Amino acid sequence: MKASPEFLQAQEKMKPGVLTSDGFFGNDSRPLVDIIAADETSMQHLGITFENAAEKLIKLIAAARPALGNCITVDNTWEVCVDEARGGLPCPFRDGLYSKGIITVTNRDSGKALVFTDLSFHLFSKHHFLQGNGSRFRIEPKDLKAVLDL
């Protein structure tokens, strides 16, 4: 996939010290479009669609938001915690401002967990960017499958 000017601008904003101190790439030196392409391939091989995973996460997050700061159990399977933080972070693609709060979804059966932010979720669901390897909020496709029972 060739990087459009929009992707190149977003990639610059995702570097450490621009929008966040750590950036979005972790120790991954690949270009943004290569990370996205590799993750799209991984998702496809695992039989997961971004849309189905996002839909399930939206339901889990919506169930937990009213309990802000407290974890709740959803369908006897998932423990979901939504913690808010002051302020917001802009999307590197310039399409919104997102809460700095941290969301944790744990599958009680597998013990696997996903830890992400509203911005991480947006990048995942809209731009198919799961963040670079080693990034604090990277969403691994295999973990997504295990946590969400997809």
N, C-alpha and C. Protein backbone atom coordinates (compact mmCIF):
# COMPACT_ATOMS: atom_id res chain seq x y z
N MET A 1 0.85 -1.16 0.00
CA MET A 1 0.00 0.00 0.00
C MET A 1 0.90 1.24 0.00
N LYS A 2 0.61 2.17 -0.88
CA LYS A 2 1.40 3.40 -0.96
C LYS A 2 0.85 4.42 0.02
N ALA A 3 1.74 5.11 0.68
CA ALA A 3 1.34 6.09 1.68
C ALA A 3 0.85 7.37 1.01
N SER A 4 -0.37 7.75 1.32
CA SER A 4 -0.92 9.01 0.82
C SER A 4 -0.35 10.15 1.67
N PRO A 5 -0.49 11.39 1.21
CA PRO A 5 -0.05 12.52 2.03
C PRO A 5 -0.71 12.52 3.42
N GLU A 6 -1.98 12.11 3.48
CA GLU A 6 -2.70 12.04 4.77
C GLU A 6 -2.00 11.05 5.71
N PHE A 7 -1.61 9.89 5.18
CA PHE A 7 -0.94 8.89 6.00
C PHE A 7 0.45 9.36 6.43
N LEU A 8 1.16 10.03 5.55
CA LEU A 8 2.49 10.54 5.90
C LEU A 8 2.39 11.60 7.00
N GLN A 9 1.38 12.46 6.93
CA GLN A 9 1.18 13.48 7.97
C GLN A 9 0.81 12.81 9.30
N ALA A 10 -0.08 11.82 9.24
CA ALA A 10 -0.47 11.09 10.45
C ALA A 10 0.74 10.39 11.06
N GLN A 11 1.56 9.78 10.21
CA GLN A 11 2.76 9.07 10.69
C GLN A 11 3.68 10.02 11.44
N GLU A 12 3.85 11.23 10.94
CA GLU A 12 4.69 12.22 11.63
C GLU A 12 4.12 12.58 13.00
N LYS A 13 2.80 12.70 13.08
CA LYS A 13 2.15 13.04 14.35
C LYS A 13 2.22 11.90 15.35
N MET A 14 2.42 10.68 14.87
CA MET A 14 2.46 9.51 15.74
C MET A 14 3.84 9.25 16.34
N LYS A 15 4.81 10.03 15.93
CA LYS A 15 6.16 9.83 16.47
C LYS A 15 6.23 10.29 17.92
N PRO A 16 7.16 9.74 18.70
CA PRO A 16 7.30 10.14 20.10
C PRO A 16 7.49 11.65 20.25
N GLY A 17 6.79 12.20 21.23
CA GLY A 17 6.94 13.61 21.56
C GLY A 17 6.04 14.56 20.78
N VAL A 18 5.28 14.06 19.83
CA VAL A 18 4.40 14.96 19.07
C VAL A 18 3.03 15.04 19.74
N LEU A 19 2.24 13.95 19.71
CA LEU A 19 0.95 13.94 20.39
C LEU A 19 1.04 13.33 21.78
N THR A 20 1.92 12.35 21.91
CA THR A 20 2.15 11.70 23.20
C THR A 20 3.66 11.55 23.39
N SER A 21 4.07 11.40 24.63
CA SER A 21 5.51 11.30 24.89
C SER A 21 6.11 10.04 24.28
N ASP A 22 5.37 8.92 24.30
CA ASP A 22 5.90 7.66 23.77
C ASP A 22 5.59 7.43 22.30
N GLY A 23 4.64 8.16 21.74
CA GLY A 23 4.24 7.93 20.37
C GLY A 23 3.39 6.68 20.23
N PHE A 24 3.20 6.23 19.01
CA PHE A 24 2.28 5.13 18.72
C PHE A 24 2.98 3.92 18.09
N PHE A 25 4.30 3.99 17.92
CA PHE A 25 4.99 2.93 17.20
C PHE A 25 5.78 1.96 18.08
N GLY A 26 5.95 2.27 19.36
CA GLY A 26 6.74 1.40 20.21
C GLY A 26 8.14 1.26 19.64
N ASN A 27 8.60 0.02 19.48
CA ASN A 27 9.93 -0.21 18.91
C ASN A 27 9.84 -0.64 17.44
N ASP A 28 8.71 -0.38 16.84
CA ASP A 28 8.44 -0.78 15.46
C ASP A 28 8.91 0.31 14.50
N SER A 29 9.82 -0.01 13.62
CA SER A 29 10.38 0.99 12.70
C SER A 29 9.71 0.98 11.32
N ARG A 30 8.73 0.12 11.14
CA ARG A 30 8.05 0.06 9.84
C ARG A 30 7.19 1.31 9.61
N PRO A 31 6.99 1.66 8.35
CA PRO A 31 6.08 2.77 8.04
C PRO A 31 4.64 2.41 8.44
N LEU A 32 3.85 3.43 8.73
CA LEU A 32 2.46 3.26 9.15
C LEU A 32 1.68 2.34 8.21
N VAL A 33 1.79 2.56 6.91
CA VAL A 33 1.01 1.75 5.97
C VAL A 33 1.42 0.28 6.00
N ASP A 34 2.69 0.00 6.28
CA ASP A 34 3.14 -1.39 6.37
C ASP A 34 2.62 -2.07 7.63
N ILE A 35 2.56 -1.33 8.73
CA ILE A 35 2.00 -1.88 9.98
C ILE A 35 0.53 -2.21 9.76
N ILE A 36 -0.20 -1.27 9.16
CA ILE A 36 -1.63 -1.50 8.90
C ILE A 36 -1.83 -2.71 7.99
N ALA A 37 -1.07 -2.79 6.91
CA ALA A 37 -1.21 -3.90 5.96
C ALA A 37 -0.93 -5.25 6.64
N ALA A 38 0.10 -5.30 7.46
CA ALA A 38 0.45 -6.55 8.16
C ALA A 38 -0.65 -6.94 9.14
N ASP A 39 -1.20 -5.97 9.86
CA ASP A 39 -2.26 -6.28 10.82
C ASP A 39 -3.57 -6.67 10.12
N GLU A 40 -3.86 -6.05 8.99
CA GLU A 40 -5.04 -6.45 8.22
C GLU A 40 -4.90 -7.90 7.76
N THR A 41 -3.71 -8.28 7.34
CA THR A 41 -3.45 -9.66 6.93
C THR A 41 -3.60 -10.61 8.11
N SER A 42 -3.05 -10.24 9.27
CA SER A 42 -3.16 -11.08 10.47
C SER A 42 -4.62 -11.26 10.87
N MET A 43 -5.38 -10.18 10.84
CA MET A 43 -6.80 -10.25 11.19
C MET A 43 -7.53 -11.19 10.23
N GLN A 44 -7.24 -11.07 8.96
CA GLN A 44 -7.88 -11.91 7.95
C GLN A 44 -7.54 -13.39 8.18
N HIS A 45 -6.26 -13.68 8.46
CA HIS A 45 -5.85 -15.07 8.71
C HIS A 45 -6.52 -15.65 9.95
N LEU A 46 -6.81 -14.79 10.92
CA LEU A 46 -7.47 -15.25 12.15
C LEU A 46 -8.98 -15.31 12.00
N GLY A 47 -9.49 -14.83 10.87
CA GLY A 47 -10.93 -14.85 10.64
C GLY A 47 -11.69 -13.77 11.40
N ILE A 48 -11.01 -12.68 11.68
CA ILE A 48 -11.62 -11.58 12.43
C ILE A 48 -11.79 -10.39 11.49
N THR A 49 -12.92 -9.72 11.59
CA THR A 49 -13.06 -8.47 10.86
C THR A 49 -12.95 -7.32 11.85
N PHE A 50 -12.47 -6.21 11.39
CA PHE A 50 -12.38 -5.02 12.23
C PHE A 50 -13.77 -4.60 12.68
N GLU A 51 -14.74 -4.74 11.80
CA GLU A 51 -16.11 -4.32 12.10
C GLU A 51 -16.72 -5.17 13.22
N ASN A 52 -16.58 -6.51 13.14
CA ASN A 52 -17.14 -7.38 14.18
C ASN A 52 -16.47 -7.16 15.53
N ALA A 53 -15.15 -7.02 15.51
CA ALA A 53 -14.43 -6.79 16.77
C ALA A 53 -14.83 -5.44 17.36
N ALA A 54 -14.92 -4.41 16.52
CA ALA A 54 -15.31 -3.08 17.02
C ALA A 54 -16.72 -3.10 17.58
N GLU A 55 -17.62 -3.79 16.92
CA GLU A 55 -19.01 -3.88 17.39
C GLU A 55 -19.08 -4.52 18.77
N LYS A 56 -18.32 -5.58 18.97
CA LYS A 56 -18.33 -6.26 20.27
C LYS A 56 -17.71 -5.36 21.34
N LEU A 57 -16.61 -4.69 21.02
CA LEU A 57 -15.99 -3.79 21.98
C LEU A 57 -16.91 -2.62 22.33
N ILE A 58 -17.62 -2.09 21.36
CA ILE A 58 -18.56 -0.99 21.62
C ILE A 58 -19.59 -1.42 22.65
N LYS A 59 -20.13 -2.61 22.51
CA LYS A 59 -21.14 -3.12 23.46
C LYS A 59 -20.54 -3.27 24.86
N LEU A 60 -19.33 -3.80 24.95
CA LEU A 60 -18.69 -3.99 26.25
C LEU A 60 -18.38 -2.65 26.91
N ILE A 61 -17.86 -1.72 26.13
CA ILE A 61 -17.51 -0.40 26.67
C ILE A 61 -18.78 0.33 27.11
N ALA A 62 -19.82 0.27 26.30
CA ALA A 62 -21.09 0.94 26.64
C ALA A 62 -21.67 0.39 27.94
N ALA A 63 -21.53 -0.91 28.16
CA ALA A 63 -22.04 -1.51 29.40
C ALA A 63 -21.25 -1.03 30.62
N ALA A 64 -19.96 -0.76 30.44
CA ALA A 64 -19.10 -0.40 31.57
C ALA A 64 -19.02 1.09 31.85
N ARG A 65 -19.28 1.94 30.88
CA ARG A 65 -19.13 3.39 31.07
C ARG A 65 -19.92 3.94 32.26
N PRO A 66 -21.16 3.50 32.49
CA PRO A 66 -21.90 4.04 33.63
C PRO A 66 -21.24 3.72 34.99
N ALA A 67 -20.42 2.69 35.03
CA ALA A 67 -19.75 2.30 36.28
C ALA A 67 -18.40 2.98 36.43
N LEU A 68 -18.18 4.00 35.66
CA LEU A 68 -16.91 4.74 35.59
C LEU A 68 -16.02 4.56 36.82
N GLY A 69 -14.83 4.04 36.57
CA GLY A 69 -13.87 3.84 37.64
C GLY A 69 -14.02 2.51 38.37
N ASN A 70 -15.10 1.82 38.12
CA ASN A 70 -15.33 0.51 38.72
C ASN A 70 -15.43 -0.52 37.61
N CYS A 71 -14.94 -1.70 37.86
CA CYS A 71 -15.03 -2.77 36.88
C CYS A 71 -16.38 -3.46 36.99
N ILE A 72 -16.91 -3.89 35.86
CA ILE A 72 -18.15 -4.65 35.86
C ILE A 72 -17.94 -5.93 35.08
N THR A 73 -18.80 -6.90 35.32
CA THR A 73 -18.77 -8.14 34.58
C THR A 73 -19.91 -8.13 33.57
N VAL A 74 -19.60 -8.47 32.35
CA VAL A 74 -20.59 -8.49 31.28
C VAL A 74 -20.74 -9.93 30.81
N ASP A 75 -21.98 -10.41 30.81
CA ASP A 75 -22.32 -11.76 30.33
C ASP A 75 -21.49 -12.86 31.01
N ASN A 76 -21.13 -12.66 32.25
CA ASN A 76 -20.34 -13.65 33.02
C ASN A 76 -19.04 -14.04 32.34
N THR A 77 -18.60 -13.27 31.36
CA THR A 77 -17.39 -13.62 30.61
C THR A 77 -16.33 -12.55 30.66
N TRP A 78 -16.74 -11.29 30.56
CA TRP A 78 -15.77 -10.20 30.46
C TRP A 78 -15.82 -9.28 31.67
N GLU A 79 -14.65 -8.95 32.18
CA GLU A 79 -14.54 -7.90 33.18
C GLU A 79 -14.07 -6.66 32.42
N VAL A 80 -14.84 -5.59 32.52
CA VAL A 80 -14.57 -4.38 31.76
C VAL A 80 -14.42 -3.21 32.72
N CYS A 81 -13.32 -2.48 32.57
CA CYS A 81 -13.04 -1.32 33.40
C CYS A 81 -12.83 -0.11 32.50
N VAL A 82 -13.51 0.97 32.80
CA VAL A 82 -13.34 2.22 32.07
C VAL A 82 -12.91 3.28 33.06
N ASP A 83 -11.69 3.75 32.93
CA ASP A 83 -11.15 4.79 33.79
C ASP A 83 -10.97 6.06 32.97
N GLU A 84 -11.50 7.14 33.46
CA GLU A 84 -11.39 8.41 32.75
C GLU A 84 -10.16 9.18 33.22
N ALA A 85 -9.70 10.06 32.38
CA ALA A 85 -8.59 10.95 32.71
C ALA A 85 -8.93 12.31 32.11
N ARG A 86 -8.43 13.36 32.72
CA ARG A 86 -8.71 14.70 32.21
C ARG A 86 -8.03 14.92 30.86
N GLY A 87 -8.71 15.67 30.03
CA GLY A 87 -8.13 16.05 28.75
C GLY A 87 -8.41 15.05 27.66
N GLY A 88 -7.91 15.38 26.49
CA GLY A 88 -8.12 14.52 25.34
C GLY A 88 -6.92 14.52 24.43
N LEU A 89 -6.94 13.61 23.49
CA LEU A 89 -5.88 13.50 22.49
C LEU A 89 -6.51 13.58 21.10
N PRO A 90 -5.93 14.37 20.22
CA PRO A 90 -6.47 14.43 18.86
C PRO A 90 -6.04 13.22 18.04
N CYS A 91 -6.90 12.83 17.14
CA CYS A 91 -6.55 11.76 16.21
C CYS A 91 -5.47 12.28 15.26
N PRO A 92 -4.42 11.50 15.02
CA PRO A 92 -3.38 11.92 14.08
C PRO A 92 -3.90 12.14 12.66
N PHE A 93 -5.06 11.56 12.34
CA PHE A 93 -5.67 11.74 11.03
C PHE A 93 -6.61 12.95 11.00
N ARG A 94 -6.64 13.69 12.10
CA ARG A 94 -7.40 14.93 12.22
C ARG A 94 -8.90 14.71 12.10
N ASP A 95 -9.40 13.65 12.75
CA ASP A 95 -10.85 13.43 12.71
C ASP A 95 -11.43 13.19 14.10
N GLY A 96 -11.05 14.03 15.05
CA GLY A 96 -11.69 13.97 16.36
C GLY A 96 -10.72 14.11 17.51
N LEU A 97 -11.31 14.34 18.69
CA LEU A 97 -10.58 14.43 19.95
C LEU A 97 -11.11 13.32 20.85
N TYR A 98 -10.20 12.58 21.49
CA TYR A 98 -10.59 11.39 22.24
C TYR A 98 -10.07 11.43 23.66
N SER A 99 -10.85 10.87 24.57
CA SER A 99 -10.52 10.82 25.99
C SER A 99 -9.19 10.11 26.22
N LYS A 100 -8.49 10.54 27.27
CA LYS A 100 -7.23 9.90 27.66
C LYS A 100 -7.46 8.70 28.57
N GLY A 101 -8.70 8.45 28.93
CA GLY A 101 -9.00 7.34 29.83
C GLY A 101 -8.56 6.00 29.28
N ILE A 102 -8.34 5.06 30.18
CA ILE A 102 -7.88 3.72 29.81
C ILE A 102 -9.02 2.71 29.99
N ILE A 103 -9.17 1.85 29.01
CA ILE A 103 -10.20 0.80 29.02
C ILE A 103 -9.49 -0.54 29.07
N THR A 104 -9.94 -1.40 29.97
CA THR A 104 -9.39 -2.75 30.07
C THR A 104 -10.53 -3.74 29.92
N VAL A 105 -10.37 -4.68 29.01
CA VAL A 105 -11.34 -5.75 28.80
C VAL A 105 -10.61 -7.06 29.02
N THR A 106 -11.06 -7.81 30.02
CA THR A 106 -10.43 -9.08 30.36
C THR A 106 -11.42 -10.22 30.17
N ASN A 107 -11.01 -11.25 29.46
CA ASN A 107 -11.82 -12.44 29.33
C ASN A 107 -11.54 -13.30 30.55
N ARG A 108 -12.55 -13.49 31.37
CA ARG A 108 -12.36 -14.21 32.64
C ARG A 108 -12.02 -15.67 32.42
N ASP A 109 -12.42 -16.25 31.30
CA ASP A 109 -12.12 -17.66 31.03
C ASP A 109 -10.67 -17.86 30.58
N SER A 110 -10.22 -17.01 29.66
CA SER A 110 -8.86 -17.16 29.13
C SER A 110 -7.81 -16.41 29.95
N GLY A 111 -8.25 -15.40 30.72
CA GLY A 111 -7.31 -14.58 31.46
C GLY A 111 -6.61 -13.53 30.61
N LYS A 112 -6.89 -13.53 29.31
CA LYS A 112 -6.28 -12.56 28.39
C LYS A 112 -7.00 -11.22 28.53
N ALA A 113 -6.22 -10.14 28.31
CA ALA A 113 -6.79 -8.80 28.44
C ALA A 113 -6.33 -7.89 27.31
N LEU A 114 -7.17 -6.92 27.00
CA LEU A 114 -6.83 -5.83 26.09
C LEU A 114 -6.84 -4.55 26.90
N VAL A 115 -5.83 -3.72 26.71
CA VAL A 115 -5.75 -2.43 27.39
C VAL A 115 -5.58 -1.37 26.30
N PHE A 116 -6.51 -0.42 26.25
CA PHE A 116 -6.48 0.57 25.19
C PHE A 116 -7.17 1.85 25.65
N THR A 117 -7.10 2.86 24.82
CA THR A 117 -7.76 4.14 25.10
C THR A 117 -8.85 4.36 24.05
N ASP A 118 -9.65 5.42 24.25
CA ASP A 118 -10.65 5.76 23.24
C ASP A 118 -9.97 6.05 21.90
N LEU A 119 -8.83 6.74 21.94
CA LEU A 119 -8.11 7.02 20.70
C LEU A 119 -7.60 5.73 20.07
N SER A 120 -7.07 4.82 20.87
CA SER A 120 -6.61 3.53 20.35
C SER A 120 -7.75 2.79 19.66
N PHE A 121 -8.93 2.82 20.30
CA PHE A 121 -10.10 2.16 19.72
C PHE A 121 -10.48 2.82 18.39
N HIS A 122 -10.47 4.14 18.37
CA HIS A 122 -10.79 4.86 17.13
C HIS A 122 -9.79 4.50 16.01
N LEU A 123 -8.50 4.51 16.34
CA LEU A 123 -7.49 4.17 15.34
C LEU A 123 -7.68 2.75 14.82
N PHE A 124 -8.05 1.85 15.71
CA PHE A 124 -8.32 0.46 15.36
C PHE A 124 -9.56 0.35 14.46
N SER A 125 -10.66 0.91 14.91
CA SER A 125 -11.93 0.69 14.20
C SER A 125 -12.05 1.49 12.91
N LYS A 126 -11.54 2.70 12.88
CA LYS A 126 -11.69 3.53 11.67
C LYS A 126 -10.50 3.42 10.71
N HIS A 127 -9.29 3.35 11.25
CA HIS A 127 -8.10 3.39 10.40
C HIS A 127 -7.35 2.05 10.31
N HIS A 128 -7.83 1.03 11.02
CA HIS A 128 -7.21 -0.30 11.05
C HIS A 128 -5.77 -0.25 11.57
N PHE A 129 -5.49 0.71 12.43
CA PHE A 129 -4.15 0.84 13.02
C PHE A 129 -4.18 0.32 14.45
N LEU A 130 -3.49 -0.78 14.69
CA LEU A 130 -3.47 -1.40 16.01
C LEU A 130 -2.26 -0.95 16.83
N GLN A 131 -1.48 -0.03 16.30
CA GLN A 131 -0.26 0.53 16.86
C GLN A 131 0.92 -0.41 16.60
N GLY A 132 2.11 0.14 16.73
CA GLY A 132 3.32 -0.61 16.42
C GLY A 132 3.69 -1.61 17.50
N ASN A 133 4.51 -2.58 17.14
CA ASN A 133 4.99 -3.57 18.11
C ASN A 133 5.71 -2.86 19.24
N GLY A 134 5.40 -3.24 20.46
CA GLY A 134 6.02 -2.63 21.63
C GLY A 134 5.32 -1.39 22.13
N SER A 135 4.31 -0.92 21.42
CA SER A 135 3.56 0.25 21.87
C SER A 135 2.72 -0.13 23.09
N ARG A 136 2.61 0.77 24.02
CA ARG A 136 1.88 0.51 25.27
C ARG A 136 0.44 0.07 25.00
N PHE A 137 -0.21 0.65 24.00
CA PHE A 137 -1.60 0.34 23.74
C PHE A 137 -1.81 -0.48 22.46
N ARG A 138 -0.79 -1.22 22.07
CA ARG A 138 -0.92 -2.10 20.89
C ARG A 138 -2.01 -3.13 21.16
N ILE A 139 -2.85 -3.36 20.16
CA ILE A 139 -3.87 -4.40 20.22
C ILE A 139 -3.40 -5.52 19.29
N GLU A 140 -2.99 -6.62 19.86
CA GLU A 140 -2.52 -7.76 19.06
C GLU A 140 -3.73 -8.51 18.51
N PRO A 141 -3.74 -8.82 17.22
CA PRO A 141 -4.87 -9.54 16.64
C PRO A 141 -5.19 -10.85 17.36
N LYS A 142 -4.16 -11.63 17.72
CA LYS A 142 -4.42 -12.90 18.41
C LYS A 142 -5.04 -12.68 19.79
N ASP A 143 -4.65 -11.61 20.46
CA ASP A 143 -5.25 -11.28 21.76
C ASP A 143 -6.70 -10.82 21.59
N LEU A 144 -6.95 -10.08 20.53
CA LEU A 144 -8.31 -9.63 20.22
C LEU A 144 -9.22 -10.83 20.06
N LYS A 145 -8.74 -11.81 19.31
CA LYS A 145 -9.52 -13.04 19.10
C LYS A 145 -9.77 -13.78 20.41
N ALA A 146 -8.72 -13.91 21.23
CA ALA A 146 -8.84 -14.65 22.49
C ALA A 146 -9.72 -13.91 23.50
N VAL A 147 -9.57 -12.62 23.60
CA VAL A 147 -10.34 -11.86 24.58
C VAL A 147 -11.81 -11.79 24.20
N LEU A 148 -12.10 -11.53 22.94
CA LEU A 148 -13.48 -11.33 22.52
C LEU A 148 -14.19 -12.61 22.08
N ASP A 149 -13.49 -13.76 22.14
CA ASP A 149 -14.07 -15.04 21.70
C ASP A 149 -14.58 -14.95 20.27
N LEU A 150 -13.76 -14.41 19.39
CA LEU A 150 -14.16 -14.27 17.98
C LEU A 150 -13.73 -15.48 17.16
